[in-house]
Amino acid sequence: MKNTATDFDVLIVGAGISGIGMAAHMKEKAPDHSFVIVERRESLGGTWDLFRYPGIRSDSDMHTLGFDFEPWRHEKSIADGPSILEYLERIVDERKIRDHIRLEHKVLAADWRESDARWHVTLETGEGERKHLTANWLYLGSGYYDYDEPYDPGFDLGEFEGQVLHPQFWPDDLDYSNKDVVVVGSGATAVTIVPSMADKAAKVTMLQRTPTWMFSRPAKDALANFLRRILPEKLAYRLTRWKNITMQDFAFKMARNKPEKVKEGLHKRIRKSMGEDYDLAPFTPPYNPWDQRLCLVPDDDLFQAMKNGKAEVVTGHIKAFEKGGVRLKDDRFLPADIVVTATGLKLAVAGKIALSKEGQPIDLAQHFYYKGCMFSNVPNLAVVFGYLNASWTLRADINSDFICRVLNETRKQGVDVAEPILTPQAEAAIEEDDIFDFSSGYIQRSKHIMPRNAVAYPWRLNQEYVLDRKRMKQDPVDDGLLEFRRHGANAKFADQQLEAAE
């Protein structure tokens, strides 16, 4: 192993939205702290560089998926992948972040050592070389899913002789012109792929085991574009962002409090697109809206493809993959030259990094979230796991801002360790909560690896952005739970430090 004793105040894992956001916040709010971003892939962008399937786009508006510090300038609020990448590339250049990024550096393990208040991090480069870096803080912006493998539903492909692909590993040279395509799944990825492939394919069938609640909206935000014409850019962005956050919050709470009314509204929109006599069965799930994430249909593209006869939504269970297509249990046969398994992601915690403390493994499933940002009894470690009911970046922004406040507080107090302390007595008194009140398959499959969640704040990953933002900005950082100390000592202040034995 090559040992290069390179020290940083903060080592940021991942050069996607979360990592780039943290770097930008540090540049502005904690400029005296050094940082590096390590990215396992050969380019930045995370999700928006990895996924290359047709039509790849956001399923949140870019006024909330964009950062709070950087206005979204494009006309389309529901943006395609290349536009989002362009936005991130511009930020890393304008804010001089690019020089801090080390590509093709995959973090394998990180061990916390109290004697020097450092995470000792083992990385592997693209050439297979092992490196060792140290950092006072570890900030995990590595996303929420496994980059190496998607969820495998265990399909027996039997006699099927066509191509089978997963959206996570889309080939660059796929020719689907005049071919029959079956997309298995009904989530955001399937809803994006189906209308995007329909223009060239002979026909695209979305095969769903269970329907999904869908809502349509224009890809362009008329009010946002109007405000940009008459107001300064940053003010127009702030107003649009506030409007969209308020609407998201209202819609989610309405779905939880008055689900039948929301169902009626969603069905009304679909009938407006498909006609008053349209059978709504393919878009009527057996659960309430926002029990799973709603799927966005920008500019009615899915419904338009269906009306044109180029796309179809079929509900059923797969019996077998046969020569030439897919046989359902009710004996219907769906012709297919290509099958796309849009069956979901496989969740991963902490980027699958082997975390340890003094050589002892850290199992985050045994630790409580602290303010949706840190973990009980784990020092100098922060993470981003975005909102399920709102845009990912909303959490990324408030977590970055909060950790910058913590970094500045450690400097102010002359200490180098910040650790959310949860005593055994306090932990025994905690009432636990379901970490995700969502019935989505990818969520339910992964609960066993997720950190613990309390009913009461701050030991929880909350799903209420407006309240979280207020707390994270206004509550004191030194709250009596987040312990500040000098390494090798339990003392809080530098003048009380007990030097650790070397």
Protein backbone atom coordinates (compact mmCIF):
# COMPACT_ATOMS: atom_id res chain seq x y z
CA MET A 1 0.00 0.00 0.00
CA LYS A 2 1.32 3.41 -0.94
CA ASN A 3 1.19 5.68 2.11
CA THR A 4 0.83 9.33 1.22
CA ALA A 5 0.22 11.23 4.43
CA THR A 6 -2.13 13.78 2.95
CA ASP A 7 -4.33 15.41 5.56
CA PHE A 8 -7.57 17.26 5.01
CA ASP A 9 -10.04 18.80 7.39
CA VAL A 10 -12.90 17.19 5.45
CA LEU A 11 -12.86 14.27 3.03
CA ILE A 12 -16.02 14.37 0.92
CA VAL A 13 -17.02 11.06 -0.67
CA GLY A 14 -18.81 11.45 -4.00
CA ALA A 15 -18.78 14.16 -6.68
CA GLY A 16 -22.51 14.20 -7.30
CA ILE A 17 -25.10 16.66 -6.03
CA SER A 18 -24.38 16.00 -2.34
CA GLY A 19 -20.59 16.18 -2.56
CA ILE A 20 -20.42 19.20 -4.86
CA GLY A 21 -23.01 20.94 -2.68
CA MET A 22 -20.93 20.39 0.47
CA ALA A 23 -17.81 21.72 -1.26
CA ALA A 24 -19.64 24.85 -2.39
CA HIS A 25 -21.04 25.45 1.09
CA MET A 26 -17.57 25.02 2.61
CA LYS A 27 -16.08 27.51 0.16
CA GLU A 28 -18.61 30.09 1.30
CA LYS A 29 -19.20 29.27 4.98
CA ALA A 30 -16.13 27.41 6.24
CA PRO A 31 -13.35 28.72 3.97
CA ASP A 32 -10.58 28.11 6.54
CA HIS A 33 -11.12 24.35 6.39
CA SER A 34 -9.39 22.25 3.73
CA PHE A 35 -11.27 19.58 1.81
CA VAL A 36 -10.97 17.03 -0.96
CA ILE A 37 -13.69 15.26 -2.96
CA VAL A 38 -12.96 11.65 -3.90
CA GLU A 39 -15.09 10.12 -6.65
CA ARG A 40 -14.96 6.45 -7.62
CA ARG A 41 -16.02 7.07 -11.21
CA GLU A 42 -14.01 8.73 -13.98
CA SER A 43 -16.28 11.77 -14.15
CA LEU A 44 -18.34 13.89 -11.78
CA GLY A 45 -22.12 14.05 -11.62
CA GLY A 46 -23.04 10.89 -9.71
CA THR A 47 -26.52 9.71 -10.70
CA TRP A 48 -26.69 12.20 -13.56
CA ASP A 49 -23.57 10.83 -15.19
CA LEU A 50 -24.17 7.15 -14.43
CA PHE A 51 -27.65 6.78 -15.91
CA ARG A 52 -27.73 7.03 -19.70
CA TYR A 53 -31.11 5.55 -20.58
CA PRO A 54 -33.41 7.36 -23.05
CA GLY A 55 -35.06 10.45 -21.63
CA ILE A 56 -33.08 10.50 -18.36
CA ARG A 57 -34.47 13.47 -16.41
CA SER A 58 -35.29 14.76 -12.98
CA ASP A 59 -38.56 13.75 -11.38
CA SER A 60 -38.40 16.85 -9.17
CA ASP A 61 -38.44 20.45 -10.33
CA MET A 62 -34.99 21.99 -10.65
CA HIS A 63 -35.92 24.96 -8.48
CA THR A 64 -35.82 22.55 -5.53
CA LEU A 65 -33.45 19.92 -6.95
CA GLY A 66 -31.07 22.80 -7.66
CA PHE A 67 -28.99 24.26 -4.84
CA ASP A 68 -30.16 27.10 -2.64
CA PHE A 69 -27.06 29.11 -3.66
CA GLU A 70 -27.16 28.60 -7.44
CA PRO A 71 -30.18 29.64 -9.55
CA TRP A 72 -31.52 27.28 -12.20
CA ARG A 73 -31.38 29.19 -15.48
CA HIS A 74 -32.92 26.81 -17.99
CA GLU A 75 -36.41 27.31 -19.34
CA LYS A 76 -37.42 23.75 -18.44
CA SER A 77 -38.02 23.15 -14.75
CA ILE A 78 -38.19 19.37 -15.30
CA ALA A 79 -34.70 18.96 -16.70
CA ASP A 80 -32.92 16.27 -18.67
CA GLY A 81 -29.75 14.61 -17.41
CA PRO A 82 -27.32 16.53 -19.67
CA SER A 83 -28.74 19.88 -18.45
CA ILE A 84 -28.28 18.84 -14.82
CA LEU A 85 -24.70 17.75 -15.55
CA GLU A 86 -24.05 21.10 -17.21
CA TYR A 87 -25.36 22.84 -14.06
CA LEU A 88 -22.98 20.83 -11.84
CA GLU A 89 -20.02 21.36 -14.18
CA ARG A 90 -20.62 25.12 -14.13
CA ILE A 91 -20.70 25.17 -10.33
CA VAL A 92 -17.41 23.28 -9.92
CA ASP A 93 -15.71 25.65 -12.37
CA GLU A 94 -17.17 28.95 -11.18
CA ARG A 95 -16.50 28.10 -7.53
CA LYS A 96 -13.05 26.61 -8.22
CA ILE A 97 -14.02 23.20 -6.84
CA ARG A 98 -12.64 21.12 -9.72
CA ASP A 99 -9.06 21.26 -8.42
CA HIS A 100 -10.27 19.62 -5.18
CA ILE A 101 -11.76 16.58 -6.97
CA ARG A 102 -9.85 13.32 -7.32
CA LEU A 103 -11.56 11.07 -9.84
CA GLU A 104 -11.23 7.27 -9.92
CA HIS A 105 -10.65 7.16 -6.17
CA LYS A 106 -12.91 4.58 -4.56
CA VAL A 107 -13.14 4.58 -0.76
CA LEU A 108 -12.89 1.05 0.58
CA ALA A 109 -12.58 1.60 4.33
CA ALA A 110 -12.36 4.34 6.95
CA ASP A 111 -11.20 3.84 10.53
CA TRP A 112 -11.64 6.52 13.21
CA ARG A 113 -8.69 6.93 15.58
CA GLU A 114 -9.23 9.07 18.62
CA SER A 115 -5.50 9.48 19.27
CA ASP A 116 -5.17 11.89 16.35
CA ALA A 117 -8.85 12.72 15.71
CA ARG A 118 -8.54 11.39 12.20
CA TRP A 119 -10.36 9.08 9.84
CA HIS A 120 -7.73 6.85 8.27
CA VAL A 121 -9.13 6.18 4.83
CA THR A 122 -8.15 3.40 2.44
CA LEU A 123 -8.82 4.08 -1.24
CA GLU A 124 -8.29 2.29 -4.52
CA THR A 125 -7.46 4.18 -7.69
CA GLY A 126 -8.54 3.34 -11.22
CA GLU A 127 -5.18 1.65 -11.77
CA GLY A 128 -5.77 -0.64 -8.78
CA GLU A 129 -3.30 1.21 -6.55
CA ARG A 130 -4.10 1.41 -2.84
CA LYS A 131 -3.79 4.80 -1.15
CA HIS A 132 -4.08 6.02 2.40
CA LEU A 133 -5.47 9.46 3.23
CA THR A 134 -6.40 10.98 6.56
CA ALA A 135 -9.08 13.52 7.37
CA ASN A 136 -10.55 15.04 10.49
CA TRP A 137 -14.08 14.71 9.06
CA LEU A 138 -15.74 12.26 6.70
CA TYR A 139 -18.70 13.61 4.72
CA LEU A 140 -20.58 10.94 2.81
CA GLY A 141 -22.23 12.27 -0.33
CA SER A 142 -22.21 8.83 -1.91
CA GLY A 143 -25.94 8.59 -2.58
CA TYR A 144 -28.38 5.94 -1.48
CA TYR A 145 -28.05 3.06 -3.91
CA ASP A 146 -25.53 0.41 -4.94
CA TYR A 147 -23.53 1.60 -7.96
CA ASP A 148 -22.22 -1.91 -8.64
CA GLU A 149 -25.46 -3.82 -8.94
CA PRO A 150 -29.17 -3.00 -9.27
CA TYR A 151 -31.96 -4.88 -7.55
CA ASP A 152 -32.29 -8.33 -9.07
CA PRO A 153 -35.87 -9.66 -8.91
CA GLY A 154 -34.58 -13.11 -9.90
CA PHE A 155 -36.28 -13.43 -13.29
CA ASP A 156 -35.81 -16.76 -15.07
CA LEU A 157 -35.31 -15.58 -18.64
CA GLY A 158 -36.08 -19.07 -19.94
CA GLU A 159 -36.35 -19.20 -23.71
CA PHE A 160 -36.20 -15.44 -24.32
CA GLU A 161 -33.59 -14.74 -27.00
CA GLY A 162 -33.78 -10.95 -27.17
CA GLN A 163 -31.80 -8.32 -25.30
CA VAL A 164 -32.32 -7.82 -21.56
CA LEU A 165 -31.07 -4.57 -20.03
CA HIS A 166 -31.19 -2.71 -16.74
CA PRO A 167 -31.41 1.10 -16.82
CA GLN A 168 -28.39 1.36 -14.52
CA PHE A 169 -26.17 -0.17 -17.22
CA TRP A 170 -27.57 1.15 -20.48
CA PRO A 171 -25.49 0.38 -23.60
CA ASP A 172 -24.43 3.38 -25.69
CA ASP A 173 -25.13 1.70 -28.99
CA LEU A 174 -28.60 0.21 -28.42
CA ASP A 175 -30.72 0.27 -31.58
CA TYR A 176 -34.37 -0.20 -30.75
CA SER A 177 -35.81 1.18 -33.99
CA ASN A 178 -39.02 -0.62 -34.99
CA LYS A 179 -38.63 -3.14 -32.17
CA ASP A 180 -41.10 -4.27 -29.55
CA VAL A 181 -39.96 -3.27 -26.08
CA VAL A 182 -41.34 -4.43 -22.73
CA VAL A 183 -40.33 -2.27 -19.76
CA VAL A 184 -40.88 -4.18 -16.51
CA GLY A 185 -41.68 -1.74 -13.70
CA SER A 186 -43.88 1.23 -12.95
CA GLY A 187 -41.64 3.65 -11.07
CA ALA A 188 -40.03 6.91 -12.15
CA THR A 189 -37.47 5.18 -14.38
CA ALA A 190 -40.07 3.18 -16.31
CA VAL A 191 -42.33 6.21 -16.67
CA THR A 192 -39.38 8.12 -18.18
CA ILE A 193 -38.16 5.35 -20.50
CA VAL A 194 -41.50 4.33 -22.03
CA PRO A 195 -42.43 7.61 -23.78
CA SER A 196 -38.79 8.31 -24.66
CA MET A 197 -38.40 4.99 -26.52
CA ALA A 198 -41.85 5.18 -28.10
CA ASP A 199 -40.78 7.57 -30.86
CA LYS A 200 -38.42 5.02 -32.49
CA ALA A 201 -39.70 1.65 -31.23
CA ALA A 202 -42.55 -0.23 -32.90
CA LYS A 203 -44.29 -0.33 -29.53
CA VAL A 204 -43.30 0.03 -25.88
CA THR A 205 -45.27 -1.79 -23.19
CA MET A 206 -44.92 -0.86 -19.55
CA LEU A 207 -45.59 -4.06 -17.61
CA GLN A 208 -46.52 -3.30 -14.03
CA ARG A 209 -47.28 -5.72 -11.25
CA THR A 210 -49.01 -2.91 -9.34
CA PRO A 211 -50.15 0.50 -10.66
CA THR A 212 -48.47 3.71 -9.50
CA TRP A 213 -50.05 7.07 -8.73
CA MET A 214 -49.05 9.54 -11.43
CA PHE A 215 -49.44 13.24 -11.89
CA SER A 216 -48.80 15.38 -14.93
CA ARG A 217 -47.43 18.89 -15.05
CA PRO A 218 -45.74 21.09 -17.65
CA ALA A 219 -41.98 20.66 -18.00
CA LYS A 220 -41.73 24.45 -18.12
CA ASP A 221 -42.74 26.46 -15.05
CA ALA A 222 -44.56 29.46 -16.55
CA LEU A 223 -44.41 31.52 -13.35
CA ALA A 224 -40.69 30.83 -12.90
CA ASN A 225 -39.91 31.93 -16.45
CA PHE A 226 -42.07 35.05 -16.05
CA LEU A 227 -40.35 36.01 -12.79
CA ARG A 228 -36.92 35.55 -14.41
CA ARG A 229 -37.87 38.09 -17.06
CA ILE A 230 -38.98 40.82 -14.63
CA LEU A 231 -36.85 40.26 -11.51
CA PRO A 232 -33.18 39.83 -10.65
CA GLU A 233 -32.14 36.22 -11.21
CA LYS A 234 -31.51 35.28 -7.57
CA LEU A 235 -34.76 36.84 -6.33
CA ALA A 236 -36.79 35.12 -9.06
CA TYR A 237 -35.15 31.79 -8.14
CA ARG A 238 -35.83 32.26 -4.42
CA LEU A 239 -39.48 33.06 -5.01
CA THR A 240 -39.98 30.09 -7.34
CA ARG A 241 -38.15 27.80 -4.91
CA TRP A 242 -40.33 29.00 -2.04
CA LYS A 243 -43.47 28.50 -4.14
CA ASN A 244 -42.50 24.94 -5.10
CA ILE A 245 -41.44 23.95 -1.58
CA THR A 246 -44.74 25.23 -0.23
CA MET A 247 -46.72 23.38 -2.90
CA GLN A 248 -44.79 20.12 -2.30
CA ASP A 249 -45.40 20.36 1.43
CA PHE A 250 -49.09 21.14 0.95
CA ALA A 251 -49.58 18.30 -1.56
CA PHE A 252 -47.88 15.73 0.67
CA LYS A 253 -49.89 16.71 3.75
CA MET A 254 -53.11 16.78 1.73
CA ALA A 255 -52.37 13.24 0.49
CA ARG A 256 -51.88 12.03 4.06
CA ASN A 257 -54.89 13.86 5.51
CA LYS A 258 -57.38 13.66 2.63
CA PRO A 259 -56.25 10.80 0.39
CA GLU A 260 -59.61 10.35 -1.37
CA LYS A 261 -59.63 13.99 -2.47
CA VAL A 262 -56.10 13.67 -3.83
CA LYS A 263 -56.98 10.45 -5.67
CA GLU A 264 -59.90 12.23 -7.28
CA GLY A 265 -57.64 15.10 -8.39
CA LEU A 266 -55.00 12.78 -9.87
CA HIS A 267 -57.64 10.79 -11.77
CA LYS A 268 -59.21 13.99 -13.06
CA ARG A 269 -55.88 15.02 -14.60
CA ILE A 270 -55.44 11.63 -16.29
CA ARG A 271 -58.98 11.74 -17.71
CA LYS A 272 -58.25 15.23 -19.03
CA SER A 273 -55.35 13.70 -20.99
CA MET A 274 -56.86 10.34 -21.93
CA GLY A 275 -60.57 11.18 -22.26
CA GLU A 276 -63.55 11.01 -19.94
CA ASP A 277 -64.30 7.37 -20.80
CA TYR A 278 -60.78 6.12 -20.13
CA ASP A 279 -60.59 3.08 -17.82
CA LEU A 280 -58.48 4.28 -14.88
CA ALA A 281 -57.56 0.79 -13.63
CA PRO A 282 -53.92 1.00 -14.88
CA PHE A 283 -53.48 4.16 -12.78
CA THR A 284 -55.36 3.14 -9.62
CA PRO A 285 -52.97 1.61 -7.07
CA PRO A 286 -54.21 -0.32 -4.02
CA TYR A 287 -52.50 2.22 -1.73
CA ASN A 288 -52.97 5.92 -1.05
CA PRO A 289 -51.01 8.68 -2.84
CA TRP A 290 -47.63 9.30 -1.21
CA ASP A 291 -47.62 5.90 0.52
CA GLN A 292 -45.12 5.53 -2.29
CA ARG A 293 -43.49 8.33 -4.24
CA LEU A 294 -45.70 9.81 -6.96
CA CYS A 295 -44.47 9.52 -10.55
CA LEU A 296 -44.21 12.65 -12.62
CA VAL A 297 -45.44 12.73 -16.22
CA PRO A 298 -44.07 15.98 -17.74
CA ASP A 299 -46.09 17.47 -20.59
CA ASP A 300 -48.32 14.35 -20.62
CA ASP A 301 -45.60 12.52 -22.56
CA LEU A 302 -46.60 9.03 -21.36
CA PHE A 303 -50.29 9.66 -21.96
CA GLN A 304 -49.60 11.13 -25.40
CA ALA A 305 -47.57 8.06 -26.40
CA MET A 306 -50.46 5.85 -25.26
CA LYS A 307 -53.00 7.87 -27.25
CA ASN A 308 -50.77 7.58 -30.34
CA GLY A 309 -50.80 3.79 -29.99
CA LYS A 310 -47.02 3.72 -29.47
CA ALA A 311 -47.16 2.81 -25.77
CA GLU A 312 -49.35 0.69 -23.54
CA VAL A 313 -49.61 0.08 -19.81
CA VAL A 314 -50.38 -3.54 -18.83
CA THR A 315 -51.00 -4.78 -15.29
CA GLY A 316 -50.14 -8.40 -14.65
CA HIS A 317 -47.76 -10.97 -13.21
CA ILE A 318 -45.05 -12.66 -15.27
CA LYS A 319 -45.48 -16.38 -15.80
CA ALA A 320 -42.49 -16.95 -18.07
CA PHE A 321 -40.11 -15.36 -20.54
CA GLU A 322 -40.68 -17.18 -23.81
CA LYS A 323 -39.24 -17.00 -27.28
CA GLY A 324 -40.39 -13.69 -28.69
CA GLY A 325 -41.84 -12.16 -25.55
CA VAL A 326 -43.32 -12.34 -22.08
CA ARG A 327 -46.15 -14.65 -20.99
CA LEU A 328 -48.37 -13.42 -18.15
CA LYS A 329 -50.11 -15.62 -15.60
CA ASP A 330 -53.49 -14.87 -17.19
CA ASP A 331 -51.98 -16.22 -20.45
CA ARG A 332 -51.69 -12.86 -22.20
CA PHE A 333 -48.56 -12.65 -24.36
CA LEU A 334 -46.52 -9.46 -24.78
CA PRO A 335 -44.24 -9.51 -27.85
CA ALA A 336 -40.73 -8.30 -27.06
CA ASP A 337 -37.42 -7.95 -28.86
CA ILE A 338 -35.99 -6.06 -25.87
CA VAL A 339 -36.86 -6.37 -22.18
CA VAL A 340 -35.90 -3.51 -19.85
CA THR A 341 -35.88 -4.51 -16.17
CA ALA A 342 -36.75 -1.19 -14.53
CA THR A 343 -37.34 -3.10 -11.31
CA GLY A 344 -35.71 -0.71 -8.92
CA LEU A 345 -32.49 0.08 -7.16
CA LYS A 346 -30.65 -1.77 -4.46
CA LEU A 347 -30.07 0.55 -1.53
CA ALA A 348 -26.68 0.92 0.09
CA VAL A 349 -25.65 2.72 3.27
CA ALA A 350 -22.52 4.89 3.46
CA GLY A 351 -21.44 3.95 -0.04
CA LYS A 352 -20.68 0.41 1.18
CA ILE A 353 -17.56 1.77 2.91
CA ALA A 354 -16.25 -0.45 5.72
CA LEU A 355 -16.49 2.00 8.61
CA SER A 356 -14.74 1.28 11.90
CA LYS A 357 -13.78 2.96 15.16
CA GLU A 358 -10.42 2.00 16.61
CA GLY A 359 -10.51 -1.06 14.38
CA GLN A 360 -13.96 -2.19 15.54
CA PRO A 361 -16.62 -2.29 12.78
CA ILE A 362 -19.33 0.37 12.89
CA ASP A 363 -22.75 -1.01 12.00
CA LEU A 364 -24.85 2.07 11.27
CA ALA A 365 -28.01 -0.04 11.63
CA GLN A 366 -27.25 -0.03 15.38
CA HIS A 367 -26.92 3.77 15.59
CA PHE A 368 -29.60 6.47 15.63
CA TYR A 369 -29.69 9.31 13.15
CA TYR A 370 -28.87 12.68 14.70
CA LYS A 371 -30.73 15.54 12.97
CA GLY A 372 -30.85 13.45 9.78
CA CYS A 373 -27.19 14.30 9.34
CA MET A 374 -24.92 12.48 11.83
CA PHE A 375 -25.12 9.28 13.90
CA SER A 376 -25.23 8.60 17.62
CA ASN A 377 -21.80 7.94 19.14
CA VAL A 378 -19.95 8.24 15.82
CA PRO A 379 -17.54 11.20 15.78
CA ASN A 380 -16.90 13.58 12.87
CA LEU A 381 -19.05 11.72 10.37
CA ALA A 382 -21.87 13.27 8.34
CA VAL A 383 -24.09 11.88 5.61
CA VAL A 384 -26.79 12.92 3.14
CA PHE A 385 -29.90 10.81 2.63
CA GLY A 386 -32.39 13.02 0.81
CA TYR A 387 -36.13 13.40 1.27
CA LEU A 388 -38.51 10.78 -0.06
CA ASN A 389 -41.37 13.28 -0.30
CA ALA A 390 -39.38 16.20 -1.73
CA SER A 391 -36.20 16.95 -3.67
CA TRP A 392 -32.94 15.30 -2.59
CA THR A 393 -31.00 18.57 -2.65
CA LEU A 394 -33.17 20.19 0.00
CA ARG A 395 -31.60 17.89 2.60
CA ALA A 396 -28.15 18.14 1.00
CA ASP A 397 -28.25 21.93 1.42
CA ILE A 398 -29.35 22.01 5.06
CA ASN A 399 -26.95 19.23 6.06
CA SER A 400 -24.03 21.01 4.38
CA ASP A 401 -24.93 24.27 6.06
CA PHE A 402 -25.23 22.57 9.46
CA ILE A 403 -21.88 20.78 9.19
CA CYS A 404 -20.22 24.07 8.21
CA ARG A 405 -21.66 25.52 11.43
CA VAL A 406 -20.27 22.56 13.38
CA LEU A 407 -16.83 22.97 11.76
CA ASN A 408 -16.78 26.64 12.71
CA GLU A 409 -17.86 25.82 16.26
CA THR A 410 -14.98 23.35 16.66
CA ARG A 411 -12.54 26.08 15.59
CA LYS A 412 -14.16 28.56 17.93
CA GLN A 413 -13.88 26.18 20.88
CA GLY A 414 -10.38 24.99 19.95
CA VAL A 415 -11.46 21.35 19.68
CA ASP A 416 -11.33 18.77 16.90
CA VAL A 417 -14.04 16.22 17.70
CA ALA A 418 -17.82 16.59 17.50
CA GLU A 419 -19.84 13.53 18.47
CA PRO A 420 -23.59 13.13 19.09
CA ILE A 421 -23.62 11.38 22.46
CA LEU A 422 -26.43 8.97 23.30
CA THR A 423 -25.95 7.26 26.64
CA PRO A 424 -27.26 3.72 27.21
CA GLN A 425 -29.83 5.13 29.65
CA ALA A 426 -31.06 7.72 27.15
CA GLU A 427 -31.12 5.14 24.35
CA ALA A 428 -33.23 2.77 26.45
CA ALA A 429 -35.81 5.53 26.88
CA ILE A 430 -36.12 6.26 23.14
CA GLU A 431 -39.32 5.33 21.37
CA GLU A 432 -38.36 4.04 17.95
CA ASP A 433 -40.14 4.95 14.74
CA ASP A 434 -40.36 3.37 11.31
CA ILE A 435 -37.52 5.10 9.46
CA PHE A 436 -39.50 5.25 6.23
CA ASP A 437 -43.28 5.35 6.27
CA PHE A 438 -43.30 4.30 2.62
CA SER A 439 -44.41 0.99 1.15
CA SER A 440 -42.12 1.08 -1.91
CA GLY A 441 -40.34 -2.21 -2.54
CA TYR A 442 -36.83 -0.76 -2.60
CA ILE A 443 -37.48 0.88 0.78
CA GLN A 444 -38.99 -2.19 2.42
CA ARG A 445 -36.20 -4.46 1.13
CA SER A 446 -33.53 -2.28 2.73
CA LYS A 447 -34.87 -1.47 6.17
CA HIS A 448 -32.55 -3.97 7.84
CA ILE A 449 -29.46 -1.98 6.78
CA MET A 450 -30.87 1.45 7.64
CA PRO A 451 -29.81 3.42 10.74
CA ARG A 452 -32.28 3.62 13.61
CA ASN A 453 -34.93 6.31 13.88
CA ALA A 454 -36.63 7.79 16.94
CA VAL A 455 -40.11 9.26 17.17
CA ALA A 456 -38.71 12.45 18.67
CA TYR A 457 -36.22 14.87 17.14
CA PRO A 458 -33.20 15.09 17.06
CA TRP A 459 -32.58 11.32 16.93
CA ARG A 460 -34.35 10.85 13.61
CA LEU A 461 -34.29 11.27 9.85
CA ASN A 462 -37.25 13.57 9.45
CA GLN A 463 -39.42 13.93 6.33
CA GLU A 464 -40.52 17.53 6.83
CA TYR A 465 -38.16 19.93 5.09
CA VAL A 466 -39.65 23.26 6.20
CA LEU A 467 -39.40 22.28 9.88
CA ASP A 468 -35.96 20.70 9.42
CA ARG A 469 -34.57 23.80 7.74
CA LYS A 470 -35.75 26.03 10.58
CA ARG A 471 -34.27 23.73 13.24
CA MET A 472 -30.95 23.21 11.46
CA LYS A 473 -30.45 26.94 10.92
CA GLN A 474 -31.73 28.31 14.23
CA ASP A 475 -31.11 25.71 16.94
CA PRO A 476 -27.76 26.11 18.71
CA VAL A 477 -25.06 23.79 17.40
CA ASP A 478 -23.81 23.17 20.94
CA ASP A 479 -27.10 21.68 22.11
CA GLY A 480 -25.87 19.50 24.96
CA LEU A 481 -26.14 16.35 22.82
CA LEU A 482 -23.41 17.12 20.31
CA GLU A 483 -20.25 16.82 22.41
CA PHE A 484 -17.27 18.98 21.47
CA ARG A 485 -13.90 17.81 22.75
CA ARG A 486 -10.19 17.72 22.06
CA HIS A 487 -8.90 14.37 20.83
CA GLY A 488 -7.66 11.97 23.46
CA ALA A 489 -9.75 13.66 26.15
CA ASN A 490 -13.29 13.93 27.41
CA ALA A 491 -12.71 17.61 28.14
CA LYS A 492 -14.63 20.10 26.07
CA PHE A 493 -12.13 22.94 25.91
CA ALA A 494 -8.56 23.10 24.70
CA ASP A 495 -7.19 24.31 28.04
CA GLN A 496 -8.64 21.16 29.66
CA GLN A 497 -7.00 18.87 27.14
CA LEU A 498 -5.29 15.70 28.30
CA GLU A 499 -2.63 14.86 25.78
CA ALA A 500 -3.12 11.40 24.32
CA ALA A 501 -0.24 9.02 24.76
CA GLU A 502 1.74 8.76 21.57
